Amino acid sequence: MIIILVEVGVKDGGSAQVRDAVARMEGATRKEPGCITYAFSTDVSSPNTIRVTEQWNSLDDIKAHMASPHMAQFQKDVMSLQPTSLSVKAYEAKEIEMPR
């Protein structure tokens, strides 16, 4: 499993526009083959920080996602807001059972 963590910092007032862009993309992304989870949130203590958490079956699934029309539109929408910061990190992970 591949986990992607994205953090976007925006100027005051920009978080609503980023949330709108993510919301438009969220439905299409969740229907993609290999998408396990796609969720976004606004940081409670820093409302100008948007986080996207993704889980994918494989790197090939992510490559297909990155080439999708809705991803291209999302990148255009977010970059037009001139983010103050942008971090994208990917991790290969294995699911383990947590002790109860």
PDB file of N, CA and C in Angstrom:
ATOM      1  N   MET A   1       0.853  -1.166   0.000  1.00  0.00           N
ATOM      2  CA  MET A   1       0.000   0.000   0.000  1.00  0.00           C
ATOM      3  C   MET A   1       0.905   1.236   0.000  1.00  0.00           C
ATOM      4  N   ILE A   2       0.471   2.245  -0.744  1.00  0.00           N
ATOM      5  CA  ILE A   2       1.179   3.519  -0.788  1.00  0.00           C
ATOM      6  C   ILE A   2       0.313   4.554  -0.080  1.00  0.00           C
ATOM      7  N   ILE A   3       0.924   5.312   0.823  1.00  0.00           N
ATOM      8  CA  ILE A   3       0.230   6.385   1.529  1.00  0.00           C
ATOM      9  C   ILE A   3       0.827   7.716   1.074  1.00  0.00           C
ATOM     10  N   ILE A   4      -0.043   8.632   0.704  1.00  0.00           N
ATOM     11  CA  ILE A   4       0.379   9.972   0.277  1.00  0.00           C
ATOM     12  C   ILE A   4      -0.175  10.970   1.292  1.00  0.00           C
ATOM     13  N   LEU A   5       0.697  11.853   1.778  1.00  0.00           N
ATOM     14  CA  LEU A   5       0.288  12.926   2.676  1.00  0.00           C
ATOM     15  C   LEU A   5       0.619  14.256   2.011  1.00  0.00           C
ATOM     16  N   VAL A   6      -0.412  15.070   1.814  1.00  0.00           N
ATOM     17  CA  VAL A   6      -0.248  16.368   1.161  1.00  0.00           C
ATOM     18  C   VAL A   6      -0.647  17.442   2.164  1.00  0.00           C
ATOM     19  N   GLU A   7       0.141  18.505   2.224  1.00  0.00           N
ATOM     20  CA  GLU A   7      -0.187  19.653   3.062  1.00  0.00           C
ATOM     21  C   GLU A   7      -0.024  20.910   2.223  1.00  0.00           C
ATOM     22  N   VAL A   8      -1.089  21.702   2.155  1.00  0.00           N
ATOM     23  CA  VAL A   8      -1.080  22.940   1.375  1.00  0.00           C
ATOM     24  C   VAL A   8      -1.350  24.104   2.320  1.00  0.00           C
ATOM     25  N   GLY A   9      -0.457  25.072   2.327  1.00  0.00           N
ATOM     26  CA  GLY A   9      -0.670  26.307   3.077  1.00  0.00           C
ATOM     27  C   GLY A   9      -1.178  27.368   2.118  1.00  0.00           C
ATOM     28  N   VAL A  10      -2.195  28.096   2.537  1.00  0.00           N
ATOM     29  CA  VAL A  10      -2.781  29.131   1.677  1.00  0.00           C
ATOM     30  C   VAL A  10      -2.858  30.451   2.431  1.00  0.00           C
ATOM     31  N   LYS A  11      -3.006  31.515   1.661  1.00  0.00           N
ATOM     32  CA  LYS A  11      -3.166  32.843   2.250  1.00  0.00           C
ATOM     33  C   LYS A  11      -4.529  32.946   2.916  1.00  0.00           C
ATOM     34  N   ASP A  12      -4.703  33.935   3.776  1.00  0.00           N
ATOM     35  CA  ASP A  12      -5.996  34.160   4.419  1.00  0.00           C
ATOM     36  C   ASP A  12      -7.096  34.192   3.368  1.00  0.00           C
ATOM     37  N   GLY A  13      -8.157  33.449   3.623  1.00  0.00           N
ATOM     38  CA  GLY A  13      -9.291  33.406   2.709  1.00  0.00           C
ATOM     39  C   GLY A  13      -9.178  32.365   1.619  1.00  0.00           C
ATOM     40  N   GLY A  14      -8.015  31.757   1.456  1.00  0.00           N
ATOM     41  CA  GLY A  14      -7.819  30.794   0.376  1.00  0.00           C
ATOM     42  C   GLY A  14      -8.257  29.387   0.707  1.00  0.00           C
ATOM     43  N   SER A  15      -8.447  29.090   1.987  1.00  0.00           N
ATOM     44  CA  SER A  15      -8.757  27.709   2.356  1.00  0.00           C
ATOM     45  C   SER A  15     -10.105  27.253   1.803  1.00  0.00           C
ATOM     46  N   ALA A  16     -11.070  28.142   1.717  1.00  0.00           N
ATOM     47  CA  ALA A  16     -12.381  27.756   1.161  1.00  0.00           C
ATOM     48  C   ALA A  16     -12.246  27.367  -0.302  1.00  0.00           C
ATOM     49  N   GLN A  17     -11.397  28.086  -1.051  1.00  0.00           N
ATOM     50  CA  GLN A  17     -11.203  27.762  -2.468  1.00  0.00           C
ATOM     51  C   GLN A  17     -10.489  26.424  -2.634  1.00  0.00           C
ATOM     52  N   VAL A  18      -9.501  26.150  -1.766  1.00  0.00           N
ATOM     53  CA  VAL A  18      -8.808  24.864  -1.836  1.00  0.00           C
ATOM     54  C   VAL A  18      -9.778  23.751  -1.474  1.00  0.00           C
ATOM     55  N   ARG A  19     -10.587  23.948  -0.437  1.00  0.00           N
ATOM     56  CA  ARG A  19     -11.574  22.936  -0.050  1.00  0.00           C
ATOM     57  C   ARG A  19     -12.537  22.661  -1.199  1.00  0.00           C
ATOM     58  N   ASP A  20     -12.956  23.719  -1.898  1.00  0.00           N
ATOM     59  CA  ASP A  20     -13.851  23.529  -3.045  1.00  0.00           C
ATOM     60  C   ASP A  20     -13.175  22.702  -4.133  1.00  0.00           C
ATOM     61  N   ALA A  21     -11.909  22.984  -4.407  1.00  0.00           N
ATOM     62  CA  ALA A  21     -11.171  22.240  -5.432  1.00  0.00           C
ATOM     63  C   ALA A  21     -11.020  20.777  -5.037  1.00  0.00           C
ATOM     64  N   VAL A  22     -10.714  20.532  -3.767  1.00  0.00           N
ATOM     65  CA  VAL A  22     -10.557  19.153  -3.297  1.00  0.00           C
ATOM     66  C   VAL A  22     -11.900  18.428  -3.342  1.00  0.00           C
ATOM     67  N   ALA A  23     -12.953  19.103  -2.927  1.00  0.00           N
ATOM     68  CA  ALA A  23     -14.284  18.472  -2.924  1.00  0.00           C
ATOM     69  C   ALA A  23     -14.695  18.051  -4.330  1.00  0.00           C
ATOM     70  N   ARG A  24     -14.375  18.881  -5.334  1.00  0.00           N
ATOM     71  CA  ARG A  24     -14.700  18.523  -6.727  1.00  0.00           C
ATOM     72  C   ARG A  24     -13.914  17.285  -7.159  1.00  0.00           C
ATOM     73  N   MET A  25     -12.684  17.189  -6.722  1.00  0.00           N
ATOM     74  CA  MET A  25     -11.827  16.096  -7.142  1.00  0.00           C
ATOM     75  C   MET A  25     -12.081  14.822  -6.348  1.00  0.00           C
ATOM     76  N   GLU A  26     -12.541  14.968  -5.125  1.00  0.00           N
ATOM     77  CA  GLU A  26     -12.675  13.836  -4.214  1.00  0.00           C
ATOM     78  C   GLU A  26     -13.545  12.708  -4.777  1.00  0.00           C
ATOM     79  N   GLY A  27     -14.716  13.031  -5.294  1.00  0.00           N
ATOM     80  CA  GLY A  27     -15.620  12.004  -5.816  1.00  0.00           C
ATOM     81  C   GLY A  27     -15.011  11.235  -6.967  1.00  0.00           C
ATOM     82  N   ALA A  28     -14.393  11.944  -7.892  1.00  0.00           N
ATOM     83  CA  ALA A  28     -13.779  11.280  -9.049  1.00  0.00           C
ATOM     84  C   ALA A  28     -12.604  10.407  -8.622  1.00  0.00           C
ATOM     85  N   THR A  29     -11.809  10.896  -7.686  1.00  0.00           N
ATOM     86  CA  THR A  29     -10.635  10.141  -7.238  1.00  0.00           C
ATOM     87  C   THR A  29     -11.048   8.860  -6.522  1.00  0.00           C
ATOM     88  N   ARG A  30     -12.064   8.940  -5.683  1.00  0.00           N
ATOM     89  CA  ARG A  30     -12.505   7.758  -4.934  1.00  0.00           C
ATOM     90  C   ARG A  30     -13.020   6.642  -5.850  1.00  0.00           C
ATOM     91  N   LYS A  31     -13.417   6.985  -7.074  1.00  0.00           N
ATOM     92  CA  LYS A  31     -13.892   5.977  -8.039  1.00  0.00           C
ATOM     93  C   LYS A  31     -12.756   5.339  -8.828  1.00  0.00           C
ATOM     94  N   GLU A  32     -11.551   5.876  -8.710  1.00  0.00           N
ATOM     95  CA  GLU A  32     -10.422   5.369  -9.489  1.00  0.00           C
ATOM     96  C   GLU A  32      -9.998   3.985  -9.010  1.00  0.00           C
ATOM     97  N   PRO A  33      -9.577   3.132  -9.953  1.00  0.00           N
ATOM     98  CA  PRO A  33      -9.043   1.829  -9.553  1.00  0.00           C
ATOM     99  C   PRO A  33      -7.829   2.019  -8.637  1.00  0.00           C
ATOM    100  N   GLY A  34      -7.784   1.248  -7.580  1.00  0.00           N
ATOM    101  CA  GLY A  34      -6.631   1.285  -6.685  1.00  0.00           C
ATOM    102  C   GLY A  34      -6.722   2.299  -5.564  1.00  0.00           C
ATOM    103  N   CYS A  35      -7.717   3.169  -5.577  1.00  0.00           N
ATOM    104  CA  CYS A  35      -7.873   4.157  -4.506  1.00  0.00           C
ATOM    105  C   CYS A  35      -8.558   3.483  -3.320  1.00  0.00           C
ATOM    106  N   ILE A  36      -7.866   3.437  -2.205  1.00  0.00           N
ATOM    107  CA  ILE A  36      -8.416   2.856  -0.979  1.00  0.00           C
ATOM    108  C   ILE A  36      -9.096   3.946  -0.155  1.00  0.00           C
ATOM    109  N   THR A  37      -8.396   5.059   0.024  1.00  0.00           N
ATOM    110  CA  THR A  37      -8.906   6.186   0.806  1.00  0.00           C
ATOM    111  C   THR A  37      -8.426   7.489   0.186  1.00  0.00           C
ATOM    112  N   TYR A  38      -9.314   8.465   0.163  1.00  0.00           N
ATOM    113  CA  TYR A  38      -8.948   9.816  -0.262  1.00  0.00           C
ATOM    114  C   TYR A  38      -9.755  10.762   0.616  1.00  0.00           C
ATOM    115  N   ALA A  39      -9.084  11.495   1.489  1.00  0.00           N
ATOM    116  CA  ALA A  39      -9.794  12.367   2.428  1.00  0.00           C
ATOM    117  C   ALA A  39      -9.001  13.653   2.631  1.00  0.00           C
ATOM    118  N   PHE A  40      -9.730  14.741   2.885  1.00  0.00           N
ATOM    119  CA  PHE A  40      -9.044  15.993   3.178  1.00  0.00           C
ATOM    120  C   PHE A  40      -9.613  16.609   4.439  1.00  0.00           C
ATOM    121  N   SER A  41      -8.801  17.494   5.032  1.00  0.00           N
ATOM    122  CA  SER A  41      -9.224  18.172   6.252  1.00  0.00           C
ATOM    123  C   SER A  41      -8.546  19.531   6.339  1.00  0.00           C
ATOM    124  N   THR A  42      -9.144  20.387   7.138  1.00  0.00           N
ATOM    125  CA  THR A  42      -8.554  21.681   7.470  1.00  0.00           C
ATOM    126  C   THR A  42      -7.996  21.568   8.880  1.00  0.00           C
ATOM    127  N   ASP A  43      -6.792  22.057   9.087  1.00  0.00           N
ATOM    128  CA  ASP A  43      -6.170  22.011  10.406  1.00  0.00           C
ATOM    129  C   ASP A  43      -6.973  22.879  11.373  1.00  0.00           C
ATOM    130  N   VAL A  44      -7.381  22.310  12.485  1.00  0.00           N
ATOM    131  CA  VAL A  44      -8.198  23.025  13.455  1.00  0.00           C
ATOM    132  C   VAL A  44      -7.457  24.237  14.019  1.00  0.00           C
ATOM    133  N   SER A  45      -6.152  24.102  14.308  1.00  0.00           N
ATOM    134  CA  SER A  45      -5.411  25.224  14.876  1.00  0.00           C
ATOM    135  C   SER A  45      -4.815  26.159  13.844  1.00  0.00           C
ATOM    136  N   SER A  46      -4.851  25.750  12.579  1.00  0.00           N
ATOM    137  CA  SER A  46      -4.309  26.595  11.511  1.00  0.00           C
ATOM    138  C   SER A  46      -5.221  26.472  10.291  1.00  0.00           C
ATOM    139  N   PRO A  47      -6.297  27.265  10.231  1.00  0.00           N
ATOM    140  CA  PRO A  47      -7.292  27.094   9.163  1.00  0.00           C
ATOM    141  C   PRO A  47      -6.770  27.362   7.756  1.00  0.00           C
ATOM    142  N   ASN A  48      -5.559  27.895   7.643  1.00  0.00           N
ATOM    143  CA  ASN A  48      -4.966  28.110   6.322  1.00  0.00           C
ATOM    144  C   ASN A  48      -4.118  26.915   5.882  1.00  0.00           C
ATOM    145  N   THR A  49      -4.234  25.813   6.608  1.00  0.00           N
ATOM    146  CA  THR A  49      -3.526  24.588   6.254  1.00  0.00           C
ATOM    147  C   THR A  49      -4.546  23.513   5.892  1.00  0.00           C
ATOM    148  N   ILE A  50      -4.426  22.997   4.674  1.00  0.00           N
ATOM    149  CA  ILE A  50      -5.295  21.932   4.173  1.00  0.00           C
ATOM    150  C   ILE A  50      -4.447  20.671   4.042  1.00  0.00           C
ATOM    151  N   ARG A  51      -4.994  19.541   4.506  1.00  0.00           N
ATOM    152  CA  ARG A  51      -4.283  18.268   4.388  1.00  0.00           C
ATOM    153  C   ARG A  51      -5.116  17.286   3.569  1.00  0.00           C
ATOM    154  N   VAL A  52      -4.430  16.534   2.726  1.00  0.00           N
ATOM    155  CA  VAL A  52      -5.056  15.457   1.956  1.00  0.00           C
ATOM    156  C   VAL A  52      -4.317  14.172   2.322  1.00  0.00           C
ATOM    157  N   THR A  53      -5.076  13.146   2.660  1.00  0.00           N
ATOM    158  CA  THR A  53      -4.512  11.839   3.000  1.00  0.00           C
ATOM    159  C   THR A  53      -5.051  10.831   1.991  1.00  0.00           C
ATOM    160  N   GLU A  54      -4.137  10.100   1.369  1.00  0.00           N
ATOM    161  CA  GLU A  54      -4.518   9.140   0.333  1.00  0.00           C
ATOM    162  C   GLU A  54      -3.893   7.780   0.637  1.00  0.00           C
ATOM    163  N   GLN A  55      -4.625   6.722   0.294  1.00  0.00           N
ATOM    164  CA  GLN A  55      -4.081   5.367   0.330  1.00  0.00           C
ATOM    165  C   GLN A  55      -4.371   4.729  -1.024  1.00  0.00           C
ATOM    166  N   TRP A  56      -3.346   4.121  -1.606  1.00  0.00           N
ATOM    167  CA  TRP A  56      -3.454   3.496  -2.920  1.00  0.00           C
ATOM    168  C   TRP A  56      -2.896   2.093  -2.871  1.00  0.00           C
ATOM    169  N   ASN A  57      -3.417   1.238  -3.735  1.00  0.00           N
ATOM    170  CA  ASN A  57      -2.920  -0.139  -3.824  1.00  0.00           C
ATOM    171  C   ASN A  57      -1.506  -0.207  -4.374  1.00  0.00           C
ATOM    172  N   SER A  58      -1.189   0.654  -5.368  1.00  0.00           N
ATOM    173  CA  SER A  58       0.116   0.525  -6.018  1.00  0.00           C
ATOM    174  C   SER A  58       0.581   1.857  -6.602  1.00  0.00           C
ATOM    175  N   LEU A  59       1.851   1.890  -6.929  1.00  0.00           N
ATOM    176  CA  LEU A  59       2.437   3.058  -7.570  1.00  0.00           C
ATOM    177  C   LEU A  59       1.829   3.271  -8.960  1.00  0.00           C
ATOM    178  N   ASP A  60       1.505   2.199  -9.656  1.00  0.00           N
ATOM    179  CA  ASP A  60       0.865   2.330 -10.972  1.00  0.00           C
ATOM    180  C   ASP A  60      -0.496   3.019 -10.855  1.00  0.00           C
ATOM    181  N   ASP A  61      -1.238   2.726  -9.790  1.00  0.00           N
ATOM    182  CA  ASP A  61      -2.521   3.396  -9.566  1.00  0.00           C
ATOM    183  C   ASP A  61      -2.322   4.901  -9.349  1.00  0.00           C
ATOM    184  N   ILE A  62      -1.280   5.255  -8.624  1.00  0.00           N
ATOM    185  CA  ILE A  62      -0.990   6.681  -8.375  1.00  0.00           C
ATOM    186  C   ILE A  62      -0.584   7.363  -9.682  1.00  0.00           C
ATOM    187  N   LYS A  63       0.212   6.695 -10.488  1.00  0.00           N
ATOM    188  CA  LYS A  63       0.618   7.273 -11.778  1.00  0.00           C
ATOM    189  C   LYS A  63      -0.600   7.553 -12.650  1.00  0.00           C
ATOM    190  N   ALA A  64      -1.550   6.628 -12.661  1.00  0.00           N
ATOM    191  CA  ALA A  64      -2.777   6.839 -13.440  1.00  0.00           C
ATOM    192  C   ALA A  64      -3.566   8.018 -12.864  1.00  0.00           C
ATOM    193  N   HIS A  65      -3.630   8.111 -11.552  1.00  0.00           N
ATOM    194  CA  HIS A  65      -4.316   9.222 -10.884  1.00  0.00           C
ATOM    195  C   HIS A  65      -3.666  10.559 -11.259  1.00  0.00           C
ATOM    196  N   MET A  66      -2.347  10.597 -11.228  1.00  0.00           N
ATOM    197  CA  MET A  66      -1.628  11.843 -11.542  1.00  0.00           C
ATOM    198  C   MET A  66      -1.862  12.284 -12.987  1.00  0.00           C
ATOM    199  N   ALA A  67      -2.172  11.349 -13.873  1.00  0.00           N
ATOM    200  CA  ALA A  67      -2.414  11.662 -15.287  1.00  0.00           C
ATOM    201  C   ALA A  67      -3.885  11.947 -15.590  1.00  0.00           C
ATOM    202  N   SER A  68      -4.745  11.891 -14.581  1.00  0.00           N
ATOM    203  CA  SER A  68      -6.185  12.067 -14.804  1.00  0.00           C
ATOM    204  C   SER A  68      -6.551  13.530 -15.050  1.00  0.00           C
ATOM    205  N   PRO A  69      -7.613  13.773 -15.807  1.00  0.00           N
ATOM    206  CA  PRO A  69      -8.056  15.147 -16.058  1.00  0.00           C
ATOM    207  C   PRO A  69      -8.452  15.890 -14.779  1.00  0.00           C
ATOM    208  N   HIS A  70      -9.066  15.189 -13.814  1.00  0.00           N
ATOM    209  CA  HIS A  70      -9.457  15.889 -12.588  1.00  0.00           C
ATOM    210  C   HIS A  70      -8.243  16.281 -11.745  1.00  0.00           C
ATOM    211  N   MET A  71      -7.147  15.529 -11.837  1.00  0.00           N
ATOM    212  CA  MET A  71      -5.923  15.909 -11.136  1.00  0.00           C
ATOM    213  C   MET A  71      -5.294  17.137 -11.796  1.00  0.00           C
ATOM    214  N   ALA A  72      -5.302  17.175 -13.103  1.00  0.00           N
ATOM    215  CA  ALA A  72      -4.762  18.341 -13.819  1.00  0.00           C
ATOM    216  C   ALA A  72      -5.543  19.602 -13.446  1.00  0.00           C
ATOM    217  N   GLN A  73      -6.862  19.486 -13.374  1.00  0.00           N
ATOM    218  CA  GLN A  73      -7.688  20.633 -12.992  1.00  0.00           C
ATOM    219  C   GLN A  73      -7.421  21.044 -11.548  1.00  0.00           C
ATOM    220  N   PHE A  74      -7.267  20.075 -10.668  1.00  0.00           N
ATOM    221  CA  PHE A  74      -6.981  20.357  -9.265  1.00  0.00           C
ATOM    222  C   PHE A  74      -5.661  21.120  -9.119  1.00  0.00           C
ATOM    223  N   GLN A  75      -4.632  20.639  -9.806  1.00  0.00           N
ATOM    224  CA  GLN A  75      -3.331  21.310  -9.729  1.00  0.00           C
ATOM    225  C   GLN A  75      -3.443  22.746 -10.238  1.00  0.00           C
ATOM    226  N   LYS A  76      -4.173  22.941 -11.310  1.00  0.00           N
ATOM    227  CA  LYS A  76      -4.376  24.286 -11.855  1.00  0.00           C
ATOM    228  C   LYS A  76      -5.105  25.166 -10.834  1.00  0.00           C
ATOM    229  N   ASP A  77      -6.168  24.630 -10.236  1.00  0.00           N
ATOM    230  CA  ASP A  77      -6.947  25.391  -9.254  1.00  0.00           C
ATOM    231  C   ASP A  77      -6.108  25.783  -8.044  1.00  0.00           C
ATOM    232  N   VAL A  78      -5.353  24.835  -7.503  1.00  0.00           N
ATOM    233  CA  VAL A  78      -4.553  25.108  -6.308  1.00  0.00           C
ATOM    234  C   VAL A  78      -3.415  26.075  -6.623  1.00  0.00           C
ATOM    235  N   MET A  79      -2.729  25.867  -7.736  1.00  0.00           N
ATOM    236  CA  MET A  79      -1.597  26.738  -8.061  1.00  0.00           C
ATOM    237  C   MET A  79      -2.049  28.165  -8.366  1.00  0.00           C
ATOM    238  N   SER A  80      -3.278  28.338  -8.832  1.00  0.00           N
ATOM    239  CA  SER A  80      -3.778  29.691  -9.099  1.00  0.00           C
ATOM    240  C   SER A  80      -3.942  30.489  -7.804  1.00  0.00           C
ATOM    241  N   LEU A  81      -4.028  29.801  -6.673  1.00  0.00           N
ATOM    242  CA  LEU A  81      -4.140  30.469  -5.374  1.00  0.00           C
ATOM    243  C   LEU A  81      -2.784  30.868  -4.802  1.00  0.00           C
ATOM    244  N   GLN A  82      -1.719  30.512  -5.483  1.00  0.00           N
ATOM    245  CA  GLN A  82      -0.353  30.795  -5.041  1.00  0.00           C
ATOM    246  C   GLN A  82      -0.140  30.332  -3.594  1.00  0.00           C
ATOM    247  N   PRO A  83      -0.099  29.018  -3.390  1.00  0.00           N
ATOM    248  CA  PRO A  83       0.059  28.482  -2.032  1.00  0.00           C
ATOM    249  C   PRO A  83       1.297  29.042  -1.340  1.00  0.00           C
ATOM    250  N   THR A  84       1.195  29.225  -0.036  1.00  0.00           N
ATOM    251  CA  THR A  84       2.339  29.700   0.744  1.00  0.00           C
ATOM    252  C   THR A  84       3.293  28.550   1.056  1.00  0.00           C
ATOM    253  N   SER A  85       2.782  27.321   1.001  1.00  0.00           N
ATOM    254  CA  SER A  85       3.623  26.131   1.183  1.00  0.00           C
ATOM    255  C   SER A  85       2.923  24.942   0.534  1.00  0.00           C
ATOM    256  N   LEU A  86       3.713  23.967   0.167  1.00  0.00           N
ATOM    257  CA  LEU A  86       3.176  22.743  -0.424  1.00  0.00           C
ATOM    258  C   LEU A  86       4.136  21.607  -0.112  1.00  0.00           C
ATOM    259  N   SER A  87       3.617  20.561   0.505  1.00  0.00           N
ATOM    260  CA  SER A  87       4.420  19.398   0.836  1.00  0.00           C
ATOM    261  C   SER A  87       3.662  18.152   0.382  1.00  0.00           C
ATOM    262  N   VAL A  88       4.356  17.283  -0.354  1.00  0.00           N
ATOM    263  CA  VAL A  88       3.780  16.007  -0.788  1.00  0.00           C
ATOM    264  C   VAL A  88       4.782  14.920  -0.419  1.00  0.00           C
ATOM    265  N   LYS A  89       4.334  13.981   0.402  1.00  0.00           N
ATOM    266  CA  LYS A  89       5.208  12.888   0.822  1.00  0.00           C
ATOM    267  C   LYS A  89       4.504  11.572   0.554  1.00  0.00           C
ATOM    268  N   ALA A  90       5.276  10.583   0.107  1.00  0.00           N
ATOM    269  CA  ALA A  90       4.733   9.257  -0.184  1.00  0.00           C
ATOM    270  C   ALA A  90       5.491   8.224   0.643  1.00  0.00           C
ATOM    271  N   TYR A  91       4.733   7.237   1.122  1.00  0.00           N
ATOM    272  CA  TYR A  91       5.307   6.176   1.938  1.00  0.00           C
ATOM    273  C   TYR A  91       4.767   4.834   1.475  1.00  0.00           C
ATOM    274  N   GLU A  92       5.630   3.848   1.428  1.00  0.00           N
ATOM    275  CA  GLU A  92       5.180   2.485   1.178  1.00  0.00           C
ATOM    276  C   GLU A  92       4.948   1.850   2.542  1.00  0.00           C
ATOM    277  N   ALA A  93       3.780   1.259   2.731  1.00  0.00           N
ATOM    278  CA  ALA A  93       3.426   0.748   4.053  1.00  0.00           C
ATOM    279  C   ALA A  93       2.787  -0.624   3.954  1.00  0.00           C
ATOM    280  N   LYS A  94       2.843  -1.311   5.055  1.00  0.00           N
ATOM    281  CA  LYS A  94       2.178  -2.606   5.184  1.00  0.00           C
ATOM    282  C   LYS A  94       1.221  -2.483   6.353  1.00  0.00           C
ATOM    283  N   GLU A  95      -0.009  -2.878   6.139  1.00  0.00           N
ATOM    284  CA  GLU A  95      -1.001  -2.799   7.202  1.00  0.00           C
ATOM    285  C   GLU A  95      -0.704  -3.863   8.261  1.00  0.00           C
ATOM    286  N   ILE A  96      -0.777  -3.435   9.512  1.00  0.00           N
ATOM    287  CA  ILE A  96      -0.594  -4.368  10.622  1.00  0.00           C
ATOM    288  C   ILE A  96      -1.803  -4.263  11.559  1.00  0.00           C
ATOM    289  N   GLU A  97      -2.047  -5.314  12.285  1.00  0.00           N
ATOM    290  CA  GLU A  97      -3.162  -5.285  13.227  1.00  0.00           C
ATOM    291  C   GLU A  97      -2.692  -4.617  14.507  1.00  0.00           C
ATOM    292  N   MET A  98      -3.459  -3.640  14.960  1.00  0.00           N
ATOM    293  CA  MET A  98      -3.129  -2.917  16.174  1.00  0.00           C
ATOM    294  C   MET A  98      -3.609  -3.704  17.384  1.00  0.00           C
ATOM    295  N   PRO A  99      -2.793  -3.727  18.455  1.00  0.00           N
ATOM    296  CA  PRO A  99      -3.236  -4.397  19.682  1.00  0.00           C
ATOM    297  C   PRO A  99      -4.400  -3.646  20.305  1.00  0.00           C
ATOM    298  N   ARG A 100      -5.288  -4.375  20.944  1.00  0.00           N
ATOM    299  CA  ARG A 100      -6.459  -3.724  21.562  1.00  0.00           C
ATOM    300  C   ARG A 100      -6.341  -3.706  23.046  1.00  0.00           C
TER     301      ARG A 100
END
